[in-house]
Amino acid sequence: MKIRELEHWPPQPSGSGKSFNLPLPQESMIEKVVNVINNDVHFIGTANGNEYRCRFEAPSEKVALDLKKILESSIGKSLLSIGNVDLPAN
């Protein structure tokens, strides 16, 4: 299964500030993986000079941990660009 085939991928970023516009997936660059809690992967992205947080609910804890590894190895890449990466088989 490819990352882009996960339901609700790519995740919607959250941010604050009146002038903050939510970035498109091709503009969203992976900055740092924060943690995995159960099935939730928390990471930080940047776009257009703004930092934002993302939370992605994976279908299982195993998928969340696999996605965390992929995100960590994809620092500096866009969310859209990693959509074609294969998740390890269960």
PDB file of N, CA and C in Angstrom:
ATOM      1  N   MET A   1       0.846  -1.181   0.000  1.00  0.00           N
ATOM      2  CA  MET A   1       0.000   0.000   0.000  1.00  0.00           C
ATOM      3  C   MET A   1       0.890   1.243   0.000  1.00  0.00           C
ATOM      4  N   LYS A   2       0.505   2.213  -0.784  1.00  0.00           N
ATOM      5  CA  LYS A   2       1.220   3.479  -0.837  1.00  0.00           C
ATOM      6  C   LYS A   2       0.639   4.449   0.199  1.00  0.00           C
ATOM      7  N   ILE A   3       1.467   5.364   0.655  1.00  0.00           N
ATOM      8  CA  ILE A   3       1.023   6.337   1.660  1.00  0.00           C
ATOM      9  C   ILE A   3      -0.196   7.100   1.169  1.00  0.00           C
ATOM     10  N   ARG A   4      -0.201   7.491  -0.101  1.00  0.00           N
ATOM     11  CA  ARG A   4      -1.326   8.275  -0.638  1.00  0.00           C
ATOM     12  C   ARG A   4      -2.651   7.522  -0.602  1.00  0.00           C
ATOM     13  N   GLU A   5      -2.588   6.181  -0.434  1.00  0.00           N
ATOM     14  CA  GLU A   5      -3.800   5.380  -0.373  1.00  0.00           C
ATOM     15  C   GLU A   5      -4.402   5.315   1.034  1.00  0.00           C
ATOM     16  N   LEU A   6      -3.678   5.839   2.024  1.00  0.00           N
ATOM     17  CA  LEU A   6      -4.220   5.890   3.379  1.00  0.00           C
ATOM     18  C   LEU A   6      -5.371   6.887   3.432  1.00  0.00           C
ATOM     19  N   GLU A   7      -6.436   6.506   4.106  1.00  0.00           N
ATOM     20  CA  GLU A   7      -7.581   7.404   4.238  1.00  0.00           C
ATOM     21  C   GLU A   7      -7.152   8.684   4.953  1.00  0.00           C
ATOM     22  N   HIS A   8      -7.535   9.823   4.407  1.00  0.00           N
ATOM     23  CA  HIS A   8      -7.263  11.162   4.946  1.00  0.00           C
ATOM     24  C   HIS A   8      -5.811  11.615   4.761  1.00  0.00           C
ATOM     25  N   TRP A   9      -5.074  10.975   3.837  1.00  0.00           N
ATOM     26  CA  TRP A   9      -3.722  11.454   3.535  1.00  0.00           C
ATOM     27  C   TRP A   9      -3.802  12.413   2.359  1.00  0.00           C
ATOM     28  N   PRO A  10      -3.134  13.530   2.363  1.00  0.00           N
ATOM     29  CA  PRO A  10      -2.276  14.069   3.413  1.00  0.00           C
ATOM     30  C   PRO A  10      -3.107  14.733   4.505  1.00  0.00           C
ATOM     31  N   PRO A  11      -2.553  14.790   5.714  1.00  0.00           N
ATOM     32  CA  PRO A  11      -3.287  15.408   6.820  1.00  0.00           C
ATOM     33  C   PRO A  11      -3.405  16.911   6.643  1.00  0.00           C
ATOM     34  N   GLN A  12      -4.428  17.465   7.248  1.00  0.00           N
ATOM     35  CA  GLN A  12      -4.624  18.908   7.208  1.00  0.00           C
ATOM     36  C   GLN A  12      -3.779  19.564   8.298  1.00  0.00           C
ATOM     37  N   PRO A  13      -2.984  20.558   7.941  1.00  0.00           N
ATOM     38  CA  PRO A  13      -2.173  21.243   8.954  1.00  0.00           C
ATOM     39  C   PRO A  13      -3.021  22.161   9.817  1.00  0.00           C
ATOM     40  N   SER A  14      -2.501  22.466  10.994  1.00  0.00           N
ATOM     41  CA  SER A  14      -3.145  23.451  11.858  1.00  0.00           C
ATOM     42  C   SER A  14      -2.119  24.530  12.152  1.00  0.00           C
ATOM     43  N   GLY A  15      -2.589  25.744  12.284  1.00  0.00           N
ATOM     44  CA  GLY A  15      -1.688  26.856  12.563  1.00  0.00           C
ATOM     45  C   GLY A  15      -2.437  27.971  13.233  1.00  0.00           C
ATOM     46  N   SER A  16      -1.705  28.995  13.570  1.00  0.00           N
ATOM     47  CA  SER A  16      -2.340  30.128  14.221  1.00  0.00           C
ATOM     48  C   SER A  16      -1.849  31.401  13.561  1.00  0.00           C
ATOM     49  N   GLY A  17      -2.556  32.449  13.795  1.00  0.00           N
ATOM     50  CA  GLY A  17      -2.197  33.747  13.232  1.00  0.00           C
ATOM     51  C   GLY A  17      -3.194  34.166  12.169  1.00  0.00           C
ATOM     52  N   LYS A  18      -3.487  35.455  12.131  1.00  0.00           N
ATOM     53  CA  LYS A  18      -4.484  35.968  11.194  1.00  0.00           C
ATOM     54  C   LYS A  18      -4.040  35.831   9.742  1.00  0.00           C
ATOM     55  N   SER A  19      -2.735  35.917   9.501  1.00  0.00           N
ATOM     56  CA  SER A  19      -2.259  35.882   8.114  1.00  0.00           C
ATOM     57  C   SER A  19      -1.839  34.481   7.686  1.00  0.00           C
ATOM     58  N   PHE A  20      -2.086  33.493   8.509  1.00  0.00           N
ATOM     59  CA  PHE A  20      -1.654  32.138   8.193  1.00  0.00           C
ATOM     60  C   PHE A  20      -2.631  31.492   7.226  1.00  0.00           C
ATOM     61  N   ASN A  21      -2.130  31.102   6.049  1.00  0.00           N
ATOM     62  CA  ASN A  21      -2.929  30.367   5.073  1.00  0.00           C
ATOM     63  C   ASN A  21      -2.465  28.922   5.087  1.00  0.00           C
ATOM     64  N   LEU A  22      -3.392  28.000   5.173  1.00  0.00           N
ATOM     65  CA  LEU A  22      -3.023  26.590   5.188  1.00  0.00           C
ATOM     66  C   LEU A  22      -2.387  26.226   3.851  1.00  0.00           C
ATOM     67  N   PRO A  23      -1.243  25.558   3.892  1.00  0.00           N
ATOM     68  CA  PRO A  23      -0.529  25.224   2.663  1.00  0.00           C
ATOM     69  C   PRO A  23      -1.155  24.045   1.922  1.00  0.00           C
ATOM     70  N   LEU A  24      -0.865  23.970   0.638  1.00  0.00           N
ATOM     71  CA  LEU A  24      -1.252  22.828  -0.175  1.00  0.00           C
ATOM     72  C   LEU A  24      -0.245  21.703   0.070  1.00  0.00           C
ATOM     73  N   PRO A  25      -0.605  20.448  -0.185  1.00  0.00           N
ATOM     74  CA  PRO A  25       0.323  19.340   0.070  1.00  0.00           C
ATOM     75  C   PRO A  25       1.671  19.487  -0.644  1.00  0.00           C
ATOM     76  N   GLN A  26       1.683  20.038  -1.851  1.00  0.00           N
ATOM     77  CA  GLN A  26       2.949  20.209  -2.561  1.00  0.00           C
ATOM     78  C   GLN A  26       3.801  21.334  -1.969  1.00  0.00           C
ATOM     79  N   GLU A  27       3.202  22.207  -1.169  1.00  0.00           N
ATOM     80  CA  GLU A  27       3.942  23.290  -0.506  1.00  0.00           C
ATOM     81  C   GLU A  27       4.405  22.888   0.893  1.00  0.00           C
ATOM     82  N   SER A  28       3.799  21.858   1.457  1.00  0.00           N
ATOM     83  CA  SER A  28       4.059  21.454   2.832  1.00  0.00           C
ATOM     84  C   SER A  28       5.323  20.600   2.910  1.00  0.00           C
ATOM     85  N   MET A  29       6.349  21.113   3.565  1.00  0.00           N
ATOM     86  CA  MET A  29       7.609  20.404   3.699  1.00  0.00           C
ATOM     87  C   MET A  29       7.705  19.796   5.096  1.00  0.00           C
ATOM     88  N   ILE A  30       8.138  18.555   5.167  1.00  0.00           N
ATOM     89  CA  ILE A  30       8.273  17.854   6.449  1.00  0.00           C
ATOM     90  C   ILE A  30       9.494  18.417   7.164  1.00  0.00           C
ATOM     91  N   GLU A  31       9.285  18.916   8.372  1.00  0.00           N
ATOM     92  CA  GLU A  31      10.354  19.551   9.153  1.00  0.00           C
ATOM     93  C   GLU A  31      10.868  18.647  10.268  1.00  0.00           C
ATOM     94  N   LYS A  32       9.947  18.052  11.020  1.00  0.00           N
ATOM     95  CA  LYS A  32      10.355  17.268  12.190  1.00  0.00           C
ATOM     96  C   LYS A  32       9.206  16.367  12.627  1.00  0.00           C
ATOM     97  N   VAL A  33       9.528  15.130  12.977  1.00  0.00           N
ATOM     98  CA  VAL A  33       8.538  14.224  13.553  1.00  0.00           C
ATOM     99  C   VAL A  33       8.603  14.399  15.058  1.00  0.00           C
ATOM    100  N   VAL A  34       7.463  14.681  15.667  1.00  0.00           N
ATOM    101  CA  VAL A  34       7.415  14.942  17.108  1.00  0.00           C
ATOM    102  C   VAL A  34       7.281  13.641  17.885  1.00  0.00           C
ATOM    103  N   ASN A  35       6.218  12.875  17.603  1.00  0.00           N
ATOM    104  CA  ASN A  35       6.032  11.607  18.309  1.00  0.00           C
ATOM    105  C   ASN A  35       4.898  10.806  17.691  1.00  0.00           C
ATOM    106  N   VAL A  36       4.749   9.586  18.209  1.00  0.00           N
ATOM    107  CA  VAL A  36       3.624   8.721  17.853  1.00  0.00           C
ATOM    108  C   VAL A  36       2.948   8.343  19.163  1.00  0.00           C
ATOM    109  N   ILE A  37       1.654   8.585  19.226  1.00  0.00           N
ATOM    110  CA  ILE A  37       0.858   8.202  20.391  1.00  0.00           C
ATOM    111  C   ILE A  37      -0.261   7.311  19.871  1.00  0.00           C
ATOM    112  N   ASN A  38      -0.186   6.031  20.241  1.00  0.00           N
ATOM    113  CA  ASN A  38      -1.132   5.028  19.733  1.00  0.00           C
ATOM    114  C   ASN A  38      -1.086   5.017  18.209  1.00  0.00           C
ATOM    115  N   ASN A  39      -2.179   5.411  17.552  1.00  0.00           N
ATOM    116  CA  ASN A  39      -2.224   5.430  16.087  1.00  0.00           C
ATOM    117  C   ASN A  39      -1.926   6.808  15.506  1.00  0.00           C
ATOM    118  N   ASP A  40      -1.693   7.804  16.337  1.00  0.00           N
ATOM    119  CA  ASP A  40      -1.514   9.172  15.865  1.00  0.00           C
ATOM    120  C   ASP A  40      -0.042   9.528  15.677  1.00  0.00           C
ATOM    121  N   VAL A  41       0.270  10.030  14.481  1.00  0.00           N
ATOM    122  CA  VAL A  41       1.611  10.508  14.177  1.00  0.00           C
ATOM    123  C   VAL A  41       1.545  12.032  14.218  1.00  0.00           C
ATOM    124  N   HIS A  42       2.394  12.637  15.040  1.00  0.00           N
ATOM    125  CA  HIS A  42       2.447  14.093  15.177  1.00  0.00           C
ATOM    126  C   HIS A  42       3.762  14.583  14.575  1.00  0.00           C
ATOM    127  N   PHE A  43       3.669  15.565  13.683  1.00  0.00           N
ATOM    128  CA  PHE A  43       4.879  16.109  13.078  1.00  0.00           C
ATOM    129  C   PHE A  43       4.708  17.582  12.766  1.00  0.00           C
ATOM    130  N   ILE A  44       5.826  18.229  12.470  1.00  0.00           N
ATOM    131  CA  ILE A  44       5.842  19.656  12.162  1.00  0.00           C
ATOM    132  C   ILE A  44       6.229  19.825  10.698  1.00  0.00           C
ATOM    133  N   GLY A  45       5.547  20.724  10.046  1.00  0.00           N
ATOM    134  CA  GLY A  45       5.847  21.047   8.660  1.00  0.00           C
ATOM    135  C   GLY A  45       6.063  22.541   8.500  1.00  0.00           C
ATOM    136  N   THR A  46       6.623  22.922   7.373  1.00  0.00           N
ATOM    137  CA  THR A  46       6.789  24.335   7.048  1.00  0.00           C
ATOM    138  C   THR A  46       6.301  24.585   5.625  1.00  0.00           C
ATOM    139  N   ALA A  47       5.845  25.796   5.405  1.00  0.00           N
ATOM    140  CA  ALA A  47       5.436  26.231   4.069  1.00  0.00           C
ATOM    141  C   ALA A  47       5.383  27.750   4.073  1.00  0.00           C
ATOM    142  N   ASN A  48       5.960  28.331   3.057  1.00  0.00           N
ATOM    143  CA  ASN A  48       5.918  29.788   2.890  1.00  0.00           C
ATOM    144  C   ASN A  48       6.386  30.528   4.135  1.00  0.00           C
ATOM    145  N   GLY A  49       7.395  29.986   4.794  1.00  0.00           N
ATOM    146  CA  GLY A  49       7.958  30.645   5.974  1.00  0.00           C
ATOM    147  C   GLY A  49       7.162  30.451   7.252  1.00  0.00           C
ATOM    148  N   ASN A  50       6.107  29.657   7.204  1.00  0.00           N
ATOM    149  CA  ASN A  50       5.285  29.391   8.384  1.00  0.00           C
ATOM    150  C   ASN A  50       5.488  27.958   8.849  1.00  0.00           C
ATOM    151  N   GLU A  51       5.437  27.767  10.154  1.00  0.00           N
ATOM    152  CA  GLU A  51       5.511  26.438  10.750  1.00  0.00           C
ATOM    153  C   GLU A  51       4.118  26.046  11.209  1.00  0.00           C
ATOM    154  N   TYR A  52       3.794  24.774  11.065  1.00  0.00           N
ATOM    155  CA  TYR A  52       2.493  24.300  11.501  1.00  0.00           C
ATOM    156  C   TYR A  52       2.631  22.867  12.002  1.00  0.00           C
ATOM    157  N   ARG A  53       1.643  22.434  12.733  1.00  0.00           N
ATOM    158  CA  ARG A  53       1.619  21.069  13.270  1.00  0.00           C
ATOM    159  C   ARG A  53       0.629  20.238  12.459  1.00  0.00           C
ATOM    160  N   CYS A  54       0.953  18.962  12.340  1.00  0.00           N
ATOM    161  CA  CYS A  54       0.051  18.017  11.696  1.00  0.00           C
ATOM    162  C   CYS A  54      -0.132  16.813  12.600  1.00  0.00           C
ATOM    163  N   ARG A  55      -1.306  16.242  12.527  1.00  0.00           N
ATOM    164  CA  ARG A  55      -1.616  15.007  13.236  1.00  0.00           C
ATOM    165  C   ARG A  55      -2.295  14.103  12.230  1.00  0.00           C
ATOM    166  N   PHE A  56      -1.745  12.903  12.096  1.00  0.00           N
ATOM    167  CA  PHE A  56      -2.344  11.939  11.180  1.00  0.00           C
ATOM    168  C   PHE A  56      -2.732  10.683  11.956  1.00  0.00           C
ATOM    169  N   GLU A  57      -3.995  10.305  11.854  1.00  0.00           N
ATOM    170  CA  GLU A  57      -4.473   9.091  12.520  1.00  0.00           C
ATOM    171  C   GLU A  57      -4.346   7.919  11.554  1.00  0.00           C
ATOM    172  N   ALA A  58      -3.398   7.059  11.833  1.00  0.00           N
ATOM    173  CA  ALA A  58      -3.163   5.878  11.014  1.00  0.00           C
ATOM    174  C   ALA A  58      -4.166   4.779  11.375  1.00  0.00           C
ATOM    175  N   PRO A  59      -4.355   3.815  10.493  1.00  0.00           N
ATOM    176  CA  PRO A  59      -5.320   2.748  10.792  1.00  0.00           C
ATOM    177  C   PRO A  59      -4.871   1.796  11.896  1.00  0.00           C
ATOM    178  N   SER A  60      -3.575   1.783  12.224  1.00  0.00           N
ATOM    179  CA  SER A  60      -3.078   0.925  13.302  1.00  0.00           C
ATOM    180  C   SER A  60      -1.790   1.528  13.857  1.00  0.00           C
ATOM    181  N   GLU A  61      -1.380   1.040  15.025  1.00  0.00           N
ATOM    182  CA  GLU A  61      -0.144   1.528  15.617  1.00  0.00           C
ATOM    183  C   GLU A  61       1.063   1.126  14.754  1.00  0.00           C
ATOM    184  N   LYS A  62       1.024  -0.050  14.146  1.00  0.00           N
ATOM    185  CA  LYS A  62       2.117  -0.482  13.284  1.00  0.00           C
ATOM    186  C   LYS A  62       2.278   0.465  12.094  1.00  0.00           C
ATOM    187  N   VAL A  63       1.179   0.817  11.457  1.00  0.00           N
ATOM    188  CA  VAL A  63       1.238   1.749  10.330  1.00  0.00           C
ATOM    189  C   VAL A  63       1.759   3.098  10.809  1.00  0.00           C
ATOM    190  N   ALA A  64       1.325   3.535  11.987  1.00  0.00           N
ATOM    191  CA  ALA A  64       1.801   4.807  12.543  1.00  0.00           C
ATOM    192  C   ALA A  64       3.309   4.781  12.735  1.00  0.00           C
ATOM    193  N   LEU A  65       3.837   3.692  13.273  1.00  0.00           N
ATOM    194  CA  LEU A  65       5.288   3.588  13.491  1.00  0.00           C
ATOM    195  C   LEU A  65       6.047   3.501  12.171  1.00  0.00           C
ATOM    196  N   ASP A  66       5.492   2.784  11.188  1.00  0.00           N
ATOM    197  CA  ASP A  66       6.111   2.723   9.859  1.00  0.00           C
ATOM    198  C   ASP A  66       6.113   4.099   9.200  1.00  0.00           C
ATOM    199  N   LEU A  67       5.002   4.815   9.319  1.00  0.00           N
ATOM    200  CA  LEU A  67       4.904   6.153   8.739  1.00  0.00           C
ATOM    201  C   LEU A  67       5.888   7.103   9.415  1.00  0.00           C
ATOM    202  N   LYS A  68       6.048   6.976  10.710  1.00  0.00           N
ATOM    203  CA  LYS A  68       7.011   7.810  11.448  1.00  0.00           C
ATOM    204  C   LYS A  68       8.411   7.641  10.863  1.00  0.00           C
ATOM    205  N   LYS A  69       8.827   6.406  10.618  1.00  0.00           N
ATOM    206  CA  LYS A  69      10.148   6.137  10.042  1.00  0.00           C
ATOM    207  C   LYS A  69      10.291   6.766   8.654  1.00  0.00           C
ATOM    208  N   ILE A  70       9.239   6.649   7.850  1.00  0.00           N
ATOM    209  CA  ILE A  70       9.268   7.227   6.505  1.00  0.00           C
ATOM    210  C   ILE A  70       9.357   8.744   6.579  1.00  0.00           C
ATOM    211  N   LEU A  71       8.565   9.354   7.457  1.00  0.00           N
ATOM    212  CA  LEU A  71       8.609  10.812   7.617  1.00  0.00           C
ATOM    213  C   LEU A  71       9.989  11.268   8.078  1.00  0.00           C
ATOM    214  N   GLU A  72      10.577  10.546   9.030  1.00  0.00           N
ATOM    215  CA  GLU A  72      11.903  10.917   9.534  1.00  0.00           C
ATOM    216  C   GLU A  72      12.963  10.846   8.440  1.00  0.00           C
ATOM    217  N   SER A  73      12.821   9.908   7.524  1.00  0.00           N
ATOM    218  CA  SER A  73      13.790   9.807   6.433  1.00  0.00           C
ATOM    219  C   SER A  73      13.454  10.737   5.274  1.00  0.00           C
ATOM    220  N   SER A  74      12.346  11.475   5.394  1.00  0.00           N
ATOM    221  CA  SER A  74      11.897  12.370   4.322  1.00  0.00           C
ATOM    222  C   SER A  74      11.906  13.835   4.733  1.00  0.00           C
ATOM    223  N   ILE A  75      12.682  14.178   5.761  1.00  0.00           N
ATOM    224  CA  ILE A  75      12.771  15.574   6.201  1.00  0.00           C
ATOM    225  C   ILE A  75      13.188  16.438   5.004  1.00  0.00           C
ATOM    226  N   GLY A  76      12.473  17.535   4.818  1.00  0.00           N
ATOM    227  CA  GLY A  76      12.768  18.441   3.710  1.00  0.00           C
ATOM    228  C   GLY A  76      11.986  18.149   2.441  1.00  0.00           C
ATOM    229  N   LYS A  77      11.263  17.045   2.411  1.00  0.00           N
ATOM    230  CA  LYS A  77      10.445  16.698   1.247  1.00  0.00           C
ATOM    231  C   LYS A  77       9.005  17.131   1.493  1.00  0.00           C
ATOM    232  N   SER A  78       8.255  17.237   0.415  1.00  0.00           N
ATOM    233  CA  SER A  78       6.856  17.637   0.553  1.00  0.00           C
ATOM    234  C   SER A  78       5.976  16.438   0.908  1.00  0.00           C
ATOM    235  N   LEU A  79       4.846  16.728   1.542  1.00  0.00           N
ATOM    236  CA  LEU A  79       3.880  15.674   1.860  1.00  0.00           C
ATOM    237  C   LEU A  79       3.413  14.985   0.582  1.00  0.00           C
ATOM    238  N   LEU A  80       3.225  15.757  -0.475  1.00  0.00           N
ATOM    239  CA  LEU A  80       2.765  15.192  -1.732  1.00  0.00           C
ATOM    240  C   LEU A  80       3.799  14.221  -2.299  1.00  0.00           C
ATOM    241  N   SER A  81       5.087  14.557  -2.186  1.00  0.00           N
ATOM    242  CA  SER A  81       6.133  13.727  -2.799  1.00  0.00           C
ATOM    243  C   SER A  81       6.283  12.363  -2.149  1.00  0.00           C
ATOM    244  N   ILE A  82       5.916  12.221  -0.884  1.00  0.00           N
ATOM    245  CA  ILE A  82       6.062  10.908  -0.248  1.00  0.00           C
ATOM    246  C   ILE A  82       4.819  10.041  -0.425  1.00  0.00           C
ATOM    247  N   GLY A  83       3.825  10.555  -1.103  1.00  0.00           N
ATOM    248  CA  GLY A  83       2.598   9.780  -1.321  1.00  0.00           C
ATOM    249  C   GLY A  83       2.818   8.493  -2.085  1.00  0.00           C
ATOM    250  N   ASN A  84       3.847   8.441  -2.922  1.00  0.00           N
ATOM    251  CA  ASN A  84       4.116   7.231  -3.712  1.00  0.00           C
ATOM    252  C   ASN A  84       5.015   6.231  -3.000  1.00  0.00           C
ATOM    253  N   VAL A  85       5.430   6.535  -1.763  1.00  0.00           N
ATOM    254  CA  VAL A  85       6.262   5.620  -1.011  1.00  0.00           C
ATOM    255  C   VAL A  85       5.408   4.461  -0.506  1.00  0.00           C
ATOM    256  N   ASP A  86       5.950   3.250  -0.640  1.00  0.00           N
ATOM    257  CA  ASP A  86       5.243   2.055  -0.163  1.00  0.00           C
ATOM    258  C   ASP A  86       5.423   1.892   1.344  1.00  0.00           C
ATOM    259  N   LEU A  87       4.334   1.589   2.032  1.00  0.00           N
ATOM    260  CA  LEU A  87       4.407   1.204   3.432  1.00  0.00           C
ATOM    261  C   LEU A  87       4.847  -0.247   3.496  1.00  0.00           C
ATOM    262  N   PRO A  88       5.626  -0.628   4.502  1.00  0.00           N
ATOM    263  CA  PRO A  88       6.006  -2.040   4.630  1.00  0.00           C
ATOM    264  C   PRO A  88       4.769  -2.926   4.769  1.00  0.00           C
ATOM    265  N   ALA A  89       4.865  -4.127   4.236  1.00  0.00           N
ATOM    266  CA  ALA A  89       3.747  -5.075   4.355  1.00  0.00           C
ATOM    267  C   ALA A  89       3.595  -5.504   5.814  1.00  0.00           C
ATOM    268  N   ASN A  90       2.367  -5.768   6.213  1.00  0.00           N
ATOM    269  CA  ASN A  90       2.094  -6.173   7.599  1.00  0.00           C
ATOM    270  C   ASN A  90       2.654  -7.521   7.909  1.00  0.00           C
TER     271      ASN A  90
END
